[in-house]
Protein backbone atom coordinates (compact mmCIF):
# COMPACT_ATOMS: atom_id res chain seq x y z
CA UNK A 1 -76.96 -34.99 -15.60
CA UNK A 2 -74.63 -37.98 -15.85
CA UNK A 3 -71.04 -37.02 -15.09
CA UNK A 4 -69.62 -40.56 -14.91
CA UNK A 5 -68.57 -40.77 -18.56
CA UNK A 6 -70.63 -43.94 -19.06
CA UNK A 7 -73.70 -43.90 -21.29
CA UNK A 8 -76.47 -46.34 -22.10
CA UNK A 9 -75.65 -48.14 -25.33
CA UNK A 10 -71.86 -47.99 -24.94
CA UNK A 11 -69.94 -51.24 -25.37
CA UNK A 12 -67.65 -52.20 -22.49
CA UNK A 13 -65.07 -54.88 -21.80
CA UNK A 14 -64.45 -56.33 -18.34
CA UNK A 15 -60.83 -55.95 -17.22
CA UNK A 16 -61.03 -57.02 -13.55
CA UNK A 17 -63.77 -57.87 -11.04
CA UNK A 18 -62.76 -57.66 -7.37
CA UNK A 19 -64.05 -59.79 -4.49
CA UNK A 20 -66.80 -61.70 -6.28
CA UNK A 21 -67.17 -65.47 -5.76
CA UNK A 22 -68.30 -65.86 -9.40
CA UNK A 23 -66.61 -62.95 -11.22
CA UNK A 24 -67.17 -61.80 -14.76
CA UNK A 25 -64.11 -62.98 -16.62
CA UNK A 26 -61.64 -60.50 -18.12
CA UNK A 27 -62.37 -59.95 -21.79
CA UNK A 28 -66.15 -60.34 -21.38
CA UNK A 29 -67.94 -57.78 -23.54
CA UNK A 30 -71.38 -56.24 -23.18
CA UNK A 31 -73.60 -53.22 -23.78
CA UNK A 32 -74.52 -50.77 -21.00
CA UNK A 33 -78.27 -50.81 -20.33
CA UNK A 34 -78.33 -48.50 -17.30
CA UNK A 35 -76.09 -46.10 -15.40
CA UNK A 36 -76.82 -45.42 -11.72
CA UNK A 37 -74.71 -43.12 -9.55
CA UNK A 38 -74.54 -45.16 -6.33
CA UNK A 39 -72.68 -42.60 -4.24
CA UNK A 40 -70.03 -39.92 -4.79
CA UNK A 41 -67.39 -42.50 -5.66
CA UNK A 42 -69.20 -45.46 -7.22
CA UNK A 43 -71.34 -46.01 -10.29
CA UNK A 44 -73.38 -49.14 -11.00
CA UNK A 45 -73.52 -50.19 -14.64
CA UNK A 46 -76.26 -52.54 -15.72
CA UNK A 47 -75.28 -54.31 -18.87
CA UNK A 48 -76.39 -56.95 -21.32
CA UNK A 49 -73.35 -59.16 -21.79
CA UNK A 50 -72.71 -61.07 -24.96
CA UNK A 51 -72.27 -64.29 -22.92
CA UNK A 52 -75.48 -63.76 -20.88
CA UNK A 53 -73.78 -63.16 -17.49
CA UNK A 54 -76.35 -61.45 -15.21
CA UNK A 55 -74.09 -59.44 -12.85
CA UNK A 56 -73.86 -55.66 -12.72
CA UNK A 57 -70.56 -53.81 -12.61
CA UNK A 58 -69.58 -51.37 -9.83
CA UNK A 59 -67.04 -48.81 -11.03
CA UNK A 60 -64.29 -48.16 -9.84
CA UNK A 61 -64.27 -51.36 -7.73
CA UNK A 62 -64.62 -53.38 -10.93
CA UNK A 63 -62.52 -52.30 -13.87
CA UNK A 64 -63.97 -51.95 -17.37
CA UNK A 65 -63.00 -50.09 -20.49
CA UNK A 66 -65.24 -48.48 -23.05
CA UNK A 67 -64.83 -50.01 -26.46
CA UNK A 68 -64.55 -47.51 -29.27
CA UNK A 69 -66.46 -48.68 -32.31
């Protein structure tokens, strides 16, 4: 059972990416394609970004918000 609050198919917006030499820019939008609980405190979100950026997001290190449609 996923208790992270993130679900495949949700739209997200990048707010802040920490400590990445080529970060996803704030305002970048994408669709979650996978949710993986990495450990007790971190969740990896795979997503298909509208701009084609290939990086995954690690929450809560990286900050995103779920877009309500």
